[in-house]
Amino acid sequence: MHRRGYNAADPKRKMVGWGVVVLVHVIVLWALVTGTARKGLEIIKKPLEAAVIQEVIIPPPPPPPPKVIEPPKPQAPKVEAPPPPFVPPPEVTPPVTSAPAIQAIQTPPPAPPVIAPPPPPAPPAAPAGRQEMGVACPTQAKPEMPRAAIKEGTEGVVKAQATIRDGAVKEVQILSGPRVFHAAVRNAMLQYRCISGSADIIATQEFVFKIE
């Protein structure tokens, strides 16, 4: 029975073997026709090149040179200088001082005291009210001729009134005259130095402007 079973399976194996043989022949014929087999033969025929890689061994660095230890230099012994010889100090004789002579000094008589003259009396303060400008303000400034008046050829007389207090002109009021001279008169009168107290003093003054 064992032999009969083996013979029954044998035809199938033969068929598989014949199929494999036929497939191999078909692949070989296809390779020959297309040239793939020739290329494979050429690759096989080429000599194989073997490259030998040599390992490079780096030698270790040389050891450092040994340090030369210099022997210590002998030091010369310190020689202490001998102490200087003792010299006795010279004898100093004290100077002979004579007794001071007493001289009689006569003191001159005291000078008589100098009596200074009394200071001059202060000028009396100007009384309050109206006064003349020359009395109330002895120090005056002269007004300047305006350039506009010179250019236009304007002349005239300006009358002004000043309010004086504590020795100075506090306010200036123009009473009459060409307007071109008003600023010059006001600036000049504000520079006056006057004699007055705390009470107000009113003084008037006239200014004549002429083109020379």
C-alpha atoms as a PDB file:
ATOM      1  CA  MET A   1       0.000   0.000   0.000  1.00  0.00           C
ATOM      2  CA  HIS A   2       2.879   2.337   0.626  1.00  0.00           C
ATOM      3  CA  ARG A   3       4.214   1.775  -2.822  1.00  0.00           C
ATOM      4  CA  ARG A   4       0.875   2.357  -4.380  1.00  0.00           C
ATOM      5  CA  GLY A   5       0.521   5.737  -2.613  1.00  0.00           C
ATOM      6  CA  TYR A   6       3.984   6.888  -3.692  1.00  0.00           C
ATOM      7  CA  ASN A   7       3.274   6.044  -7.319  1.00  0.00           C
ATOM      8  CA  ALA A   8       0.020   8.033  -7.206  1.00  0.00           C
ATOM      9  CA  ALA A   9       1.839  11.254  -6.084  1.00  0.00           C
ATOM     10  CA  ASP A  10       4.789  10.818  -8.459  1.00  0.00           C
ATOM     11  CA  PRO A  11       3.127  12.172 -11.681  1.00  0.00           C
ATOM     12  CA  LYS A  12       2.376  15.551 -10.052  1.00  0.00           C
ATOM     13  CA  ARG A  13       5.972  16.048  -8.954  1.00  0.00           C
ATOM     14  CA  LYS A  14       7.166  15.227 -12.437  1.00  0.00           C
ATOM     15  CA  MET A  15       4.871  17.835 -13.877  1.00  0.00           C
ATOM     16  CA  VAL A  16       6.191  20.487 -11.492  1.00  0.00           C
ATOM     17  CA  GLY A  17       9.785  19.558 -12.339  1.00  0.00           C
ATOM     18  CA  TRP A  18       9.125  19.769 -16.092  1.00  0.00           C
ATOM     19  CA  GLY A  19       7.458  23.156 -15.608  1.00  0.00           C
ATOM     20  CA  VAL A  20      10.489  24.519 -13.761  1.00  0.00           C
ATOM     21  CA  VAL A  21      12.876  23.237 -16.468  1.00  0.00           C
ATOM     22  CA  VAL A  22      10.789  24.820 -19.218  1.00  0.00           C
ATOM     23  CA  LEU A  23      10.635  28.149 -17.342  1.00  0.00           C
ATOM     24  CA  VAL A  24      14.434  28.208 -16.926  1.00  0.00           C
ATOM     25  CA  HIS A  25      14.944  27.577 -20.652  1.00  0.00           C
ATOM     26  CA  VAL A  26      12.506  30.325 -21.532  1.00  0.00           C
ATOM     27  CA  ILE A  27      14.367  32.800 -19.260  1.00  0.00           C
ATOM     28  CA  VAL A  28      17.753  31.820 -20.793  1.00  0.00           C
ATOM     29  CA  LEU A  29      16.436  32.221 -24.350  1.00  0.00           C
ATOM     30  CA  TRP A  30      14.926  35.614 -23.479  1.00  0.00           C
ATOM     31  CA  ALA A  31      18.228  36.756 -21.967  1.00  0.00           C
ATOM     32  CA  LEU A  32      20.161  35.697 -25.053  1.00  0.00           C
ATOM     33  CA  VAL A  33      17.744  37.479 -27.356  1.00  0.00           C
ATOM     34  CA  THR A  34      17.750  40.776 -25.420  1.00  0.00           C
ATOM     35  CA  GLY A  35      21.547  40.820 -24.677  1.00  0.00           C
ATOM     36  CA  THR A  36      21.194  40.704 -20.914  1.00  0.00           C
ATOM     37  CA  ALA A  37      23.219  37.490 -20.765  1.00  0.00           C
ATOM     38  CA  ARG A  38      26.093  39.052 -22.706  1.00  0.00           C
ATOM     39  CA  LYS A  39      26.287  41.969 -20.306  1.00  0.00           C
ATOM     40  CA  GLY A  40      26.306  39.561 -17.400  1.00  0.00           C
ATOM     41  CA  LEU A  41      29.131  37.560 -19.003  1.00  0.00           C
ATOM     42  CA  GLU A  42      31.145  40.751 -19.585  1.00  0.00           C
ATOM     43  CA  ILE A  43      30.710  41.777 -15.977  1.00  0.00           C
ATOM     44  CA  ILE A  44      31.824  38.313 -14.858  1.00  0.00           C
ATOM     45  CA  LYS A  45      34.835  38.385 -17.248  1.00  0.00           C
ATOM     46  CA  LYS A  46      36.113  41.718 -15.846  1.00  0.00           C
ATOM     47  CA  PRO A  47      38.943  41.235 -13.361  1.00  0.00           C
ATOM     48  CA  LEU A  48      38.096  42.010  -9.849  1.00  0.00           C
ATOM     49  CA  GLU A  49      40.150  44.846  -8.348  1.00  0.00           C
ATOM     50  CA  ALA A  50      41.041  44.503  -4.718  1.00  0.00           C
ATOM     51  CA  ALA A  51      42.018  47.658  -2.845  1.00  0.00           C
ATOM     52  CA  VAL A  52      44.120  47.191   0.187  1.00  0.00           C
ATOM     53  CA  ILE A  53      43.512  49.885   2.818  1.00  0.00           C
ATOM     54  CA  GLN A  54      46.526  50.301   4.976  1.00  0.00           C
ATOM     55  CA  GLU A  55      45.860  51.511   8.468  1.00  0.00           C
ATOM     56  CA  VAL A  56      47.824  54.622   9.286  1.00  0.00           C
ATOM     57  CA  ILE A  57      49.187  54.502  12.761  1.00  0.00           C
ATOM     58  CA  ILE A  58      50.045  57.928  14.252  1.00  0.00           C
ATOM     59  CA  PRO A  59      53.052  57.641  16.525  1.00  0.00           C
ATOM     60  CA  PRO A  60      52.604  59.134  20.010  1.00  0.00           C
ATOM     61  CA  PRO A  61      54.208  62.541  20.633  1.00  0.00           C
ATOM     62  CA  PRO A  62      57.701  62.493  22.043  1.00  0.00           C
ATOM     63  CA  PRO A  63      57.920  62.963  25.787  1.00  0.00           C
ATOM     64  CA  PRO A  64      58.834  66.461  26.985  1.00  0.00           C
ATOM     65  CA  PRO A  65      62.486  67.054  27.742  1.00  0.00           C
ATOM     66  CA  PRO A  66      63.359  66.646  31.381  1.00  0.00           C
ATOM     67  CA  LYS A  67      63.549  69.867  33.384  1.00  0.00           C
ATOM     68  CA  VAL A  68      67.011  70.836  34.413  1.00  0.00           C
ATOM     69  CA  ILE A  69      66.993  71.780  38.051  1.00  0.00           C
ATOM     70  CA  GLU A  70      69.713  74.306  38.731  1.00  0.00           C
ATOM     71  CA  PRO A  71      71.394  73.979  42.081  1.00  0.00           C
ATOM     72  CA  PRO A  72      70.860  76.943  44.402  1.00  0.00           C
ATOM     73  CA  LYS A  73      73.530  79.596  44.155  1.00  0.00           C
ATOM     74  CA  PRO A  74      75.550  79.971  47.304  1.00  0.00           C
ATOM     75  CA  GLN A  75      74.869  83.253  49.033  1.00  0.00           C
ATOM     76  CA  ALA A  76      77.719  85.244  50.398  1.00  0.00           C
ATOM     77  CA  PRO A  77      77.541  85.577  54.161  1.00  0.00           C
ATOM     78  CA  LYS A  78      76.490  88.973  55.388  1.00  0.00           C
ATOM     79  CA  VAL A  79      79.345  90.867  56.908  1.00  0.00           C
ATOM     80  CA  GLU A  80      78.209  93.264  59.591  1.00  0.00           C
ATOM     81  CA  ALA A  81      80.092  96.535  59.624  1.00  0.00           C
ATOM     82  CA  PRO A  82      81.931  97.221  62.843  1.00  0.00           C
ATOM     83  CA  PRO A  83      80.459  99.972  64.998  1.00  0.00           C
ATOM     84  CA  PRO A  84      82.113 103.384  64.625  1.00  0.00           C
ATOM     85  CA  PRO A  85      84.628 104.296  67.245  1.00  0.00           C
ATOM     86  CA  PHE A  86      83.376 106.366  70.142  1.00  0.00           C
ATOM     87  CA  VAL A  87      84.335 110.010  69.822  1.00  0.00           C
ATOM     88  CA  PRO A  88      83.751 112.110  72.946  1.00  0.00           C
ATOM     89  CA  PRO A  89      81.806 115.338  72.322  1.00  0.00           C
ATOM     90  CA  PRO A  90      83.798 118.559  72.485  1.00  0.00           C
ATOM     91  CA  GLU A  91      83.544 120.607  75.613  1.00  0.00           C
ATOM     92  CA  VAL A  92      81.424 123.742  75.170  1.00  0.00           C
ATOM     93  CA  THR A  93      82.244 126.639  77.427  1.00  0.00           C
ATOM     94  CA  PRO A  94      79.237 128.836  78.252  1.00  0.00           C
ATOM     95  CA  PRO A  95      79.600 132.438  77.025  1.00  0.00           C
ATOM     96  CA  VAL A  96      80.189 135.084  79.606  1.00  0.00           C
ATOM     97  CA  THR A  97      77.196 137.440  79.708  1.00  0.00           C
ATOM     98  CA  SER A  98      77.504 140.822  81.267  1.00  0.00           C
ATOM     99  CA  ALA A  99      74.672 142.436  83.140  1.00  0.00           C
ATOM    100  CA  PRO A 100      72.554 144.690  80.922  1.00  0.00           C
ATOM    101  CA  ALA A 101      73.136 148.350  81.397  1.00  0.00           C
ATOM    102  CA  ILE A 102      70.093 150.274  82.521  1.00  0.00           C
ATOM    103  CA  GLN A 103      69.581 153.411  80.433  1.00  0.00           C
ATOM    104  CA  ALA A 104      67.153 156.145  81.228  1.00  0.00           C
ATOM    105  CA  ILE A 105      64.779 156.820  78.315  1.00  0.00           C
ATOM    106  CA  GLN A 106      62.889 160.057  78.348  1.00  0.00           C
ATOM    107  CA  THR A 107      59.367 159.789  76.895  1.00  0.00           C
ATOM    108  CA  PRO A 108      58.295 162.761  74.759  1.00  0.00           C
ATOM    109  CA  PRO A 109      55.265 164.716  75.903  1.00  0.00           C
ATOM    110  CA  PRO A 110      51.950 163.586  74.320  1.00  0.00           C
ATOM    111  CA  ALA A 111      50.838 165.527  71.260  1.00  0.00           C
ATOM    112  CA  PRO A 112      47.751 167.650  71.677  1.00  0.00           C
ATOM    113  CA  PRO A 113      44.582 166.047  70.225  1.00  0.00           C
ATOM    114  CA  VAL A 114      43.529 167.217  66.769  1.00  0.00           C
ATOM    115  CA  ILE A 115      39.962 168.397  66.626  1.00  0.00           C
ATOM    116  CA  ALA A 116      38.390 167.652  63.218  1.00  0.00           C
ATOM    117  CA  PRO A 117      36.083 170.259  61.785  1.00  0.00           C
ATOM    118  CA  PRO A 118      32.401 169.337  61.873  1.00  0.00           C
ATOM    119  CA  PRO A 119      30.923 167.906  58.624  1.00  0.00           C
ATOM    120  CA  PRO A 120      29.087 170.329  56.406  1.00  0.00           C
ATOM    121  CA  PRO A 121      25.359 170.354  56.954  1.00  0.00           C
ATOM    122  CA  ALA A 122      23.278 168.296  54.547  1.00  0.00           C
ATOM    123  CA  PRO A 123      21.327 170.278  51.987  1.00  0.00           C
ATOM    124  CA  PRO A 124      17.809 170.844  53.156  1.00  0.00           C
ATOM    125  CA  ALA A 125      15.138 168.736  51.552  1.00  0.00           C
ATOM    126  CA  ALA A 126      12.996 170.526  49.063  1.00  0.00           C
ATOM    127  CA  PRO A 127       9.597 171.327  50.442  1.00  0.00           C
ATOM    128  CA  ALA A 128       6.591 169.487  49.115  1.00  0.00           C
ATOM    129  CA  GLY A 129       4.479 171.056  46.406  1.00  0.00           C
ATOM    130  CA  ARG A 130       5.536 172.769  43.209  1.00  0.00           C
ATOM    131  CA  GLN A 131       9.142 173.806  42.584  1.00  0.00           C
ATOM    132  CA  GLU A 132      11.439 174.826  39.793  1.00  0.00           C
ATOM    133  CA  MET A 133      13.057 171.908  37.993  1.00  0.00           C
ATOM    134  CA  GLY A 134      16.547 173.406  38.348  1.00  0.00           C
ATOM    135  CA  VAL A 135      16.157 173.571  42.156  1.00  0.00           C
ATOM    136  CA  ALA A 136      14.484 170.208  42.663  1.00  0.00           C
ATOM    137  CA  CYS A 137      16.750 168.289  40.212  1.00  0.00           C
ATOM    138  CA  PRO A 138      20.247 169.832  39.948  1.00  0.00           C
ATOM    139  CA  THR A 139      21.599 166.888  37.931  1.00  0.00           C
ATOM    140  CA  GLN A 140      19.861 166.738  34.554  1.00  0.00           C
ATOM    141  CA  ALA A 141      20.306 164.857  31.246  1.00  0.00           C
ATOM    142  CA  LYS A 142      19.956 166.635  27.908  1.00  0.00           C
ATOM    143  CA  PRO A 143      17.416 165.058  25.502  1.00  0.00           C
ATOM    144  CA  GLU A 144      18.707 163.910  22.122  1.00  0.00           C
ATOM    145  CA  MET A 145      17.400 165.257  18.820  1.00  0.00           C
ATOM    146  CA  PRO A 146      15.291 162.483  17.176  1.00  0.00           C
ATOM    147  CA  ARG A 147      16.429 161.334  13.724  1.00  0.00           C
ATOM    148  CA  ALA A 148      12.879 161.533  12.417  1.00  0.00           C
ATOM    149  CA  ALA A 149      12.712 165.230  13.359  1.00  0.00           C
ATOM    150  CA  ILE A 150      16.066 165.887  11.635  1.00  0.00           C
ATOM    151  CA  LYS A 151      14.884 164.049   8.522  1.00  0.00           C
ATOM    152  CA  GLU A 152      11.572 165.930   8.413  1.00  0.00           C
ATOM    153  CA  GLY A 153      13.106 169.266   9.529  1.00  0.00           C
ATOM    154  CA  THR A 154      10.754 169.558  12.528  1.00  0.00           C
ATOM    155  CA  GLU A 155      11.462 172.104  15.298  1.00  0.00           C
ATOM    156  CA  GLY A 156       9.474 173.173  18.375  1.00  0.00           C
ATOM    157  CA  VAL A 157       9.139 173.618  22.119  1.00  0.00           C
ATOM    158  CA  VAL A 158       7.992 170.809  24.408  1.00  0.00           C
ATOM    159  CA  LYS A 159       6.600 171.482  27.891  1.00  0.00           C
ATOM    160  CA  ALA A 160       6.658 168.576  30.358  1.00  0.00           C
ATOM    161  CA  GLN A 161       5.636 168.006  33.968  1.00  0.00           C
ATOM    162  CA  ALA A 162       7.505 165.600  36.298  1.00  0.00           C
ATOM    163  CA  THR A 163       6.490 163.972  39.589  1.00  0.00           C
ATOM    164  CA  ILE A 164       9.532 163.694  41.911  1.00  0.00           C
ATOM    165  CA  ARG A 165       9.739 161.363  44.914  1.00  0.00           C
ATOM    166  CA  ASP A 166      12.698 160.000  46.968  1.00  0.00           C
ATOM    167  CA  GLY A 167      15.237 161.880  44.831  1.00  0.00           C
ATOM    168  CA  ALA A 168      14.096 160.525  41.440  1.00  0.00           C
ATOM    169  CA  VAL A 169      11.561 161.338  38.731  1.00  0.00           C
ATOM    170  CA  LYS A 170       8.752 158.807  39.005  1.00  0.00           C
ATOM    171  CA  GLU A 171       6.393 160.040  36.270  1.00  0.00           C
ATOM    172  CA  VAL A 172       6.630 162.376  33.252  1.00  0.00           C
ATOM    173  CA  GLN A 173       3.604 163.981  31.605  1.00  0.00           C
ATOM    174  CA  ILE A 174       3.928 165.872  28.293  1.00  0.00           C
ATOM    175  CA  LEU A 175       1.805 169.044  28.376  1.00  0.00           C
ATOM    176  CA  SER A 176       2.463 170.424  24.885  1.00  0.00           C
ATOM    177  CA  GLY A 177       4.789 170.269  21.895  1.00  0.00           C
ATOM    178  CA  PRO A 178       5.330 168.144  18.729  1.00  0.00           C
ATOM    179  CA  ARG A 179       4.779 164.439  19.285  1.00  0.00           C
ATOM    180  CA  VAL A 180       8.084 163.504  17.619  1.00  0.00           C
ATOM    181  CA  PHE A 181       9.983 164.919  20.664  1.00  0.00           C
ATOM    182  CA  HIS A 182       7.876 163.304  23.428  1.00  0.00           C
ATOM    183  CA  ALA A 183       9.928 160.085  23.797  1.00  0.00           C
ATOM    184  CA  ALA A 184      13.262 161.958  23.902  1.00  0.00           C
ATOM    185  CA  VAL A 185      11.989 164.330  26.629  1.00  0.00           C
ATOM    186  CA  ARG A 186      10.538 161.485  28.745  1.00  0.00           C
ATOM    187  CA  ASN A 187      13.760 159.398  28.560  1.00  0.00           C
ATOM    188  CA  ALA A 188      15.909 162.406  29.544  1.00  0.00           C
ATOM    189  CA  MET A 189      13.776 163.440  32.560  1.00  0.00           C
ATOM    190  CA  LEU A 190      13.692 159.900  33.970  1.00  0.00           C
ATOM    191  CA  GLN A 191      17.489 160.124  34.323  1.00  0.00           C
ATOM    192  CA  TYR A 192      17.413 163.228  36.576  1.00  0.00           C
ATOM    193  CA  ARG A 193      18.922 163.147  40.089  1.00  0.00           C
ATOM    194  CA  CYS A 194      16.786 165.230  42.441  1.00  0.00           C
ATOM    195  CA  ILE A 195      16.621 166.439  46.067  1.00  0.00           C
ATOM    196  CA  SER A 196      13.345 165.452  47.674  1.00  0.00           C
ATOM    197  CA  GLY A 197      11.823 163.519  50.512  1.00  0.00           C
ATOM    198  CA  SER A 198       9.046 160.993  50.604  1.00  0.00           C
ATOM    199  CA  ALA A 199       6.452 163.646  49.663  1.00  0.00           C
ATOM    200  CA  ASP A 200       5.712 164.220  45.966  1.00  0.00           C
ATOM    201  CA  ILE A 201       7.071 167.320  44.227  1.00  0.00           C
ATOM    202  CA  ILE A 202       5.684 168.497  40.903  1.00  0.00           C
ATOM    203  CA  ALA A 203       7.954 170.528  38.598  1.00  0.00           C
ATOM    204  CA  THR A 204       7.570 171.688  35.002  1.00  0.00           C
ATOM    205  CA  GLN A 205      10.223 172.294  32.346  1.00  0.00           C
ATOM    206  CA  GLU A 206      10.362 173.438  28.739  1.00  0.00           C
ATOM    207  CA  PHE A 207      12.665 171.963  26.053  1.00  0.00           C
ATOM    208  CA  VAL A 208      13.518 173.842  22.839  1.00  0.00           C
ATOM    209  CA  PHE A 209      14.437 171.695  19.823  1.00  0.00           C
ATOM    210  CA  LYS A 210      16.218 173.445  16.948  1.00  0.00           C
ATOM    211  CA  ILE A 211      18.050 172.057  13.949  1.00  0.00           C
ATOM    212  CA  GLU A 212      21.477 173.700  13.720  1.00  0.00           C
END
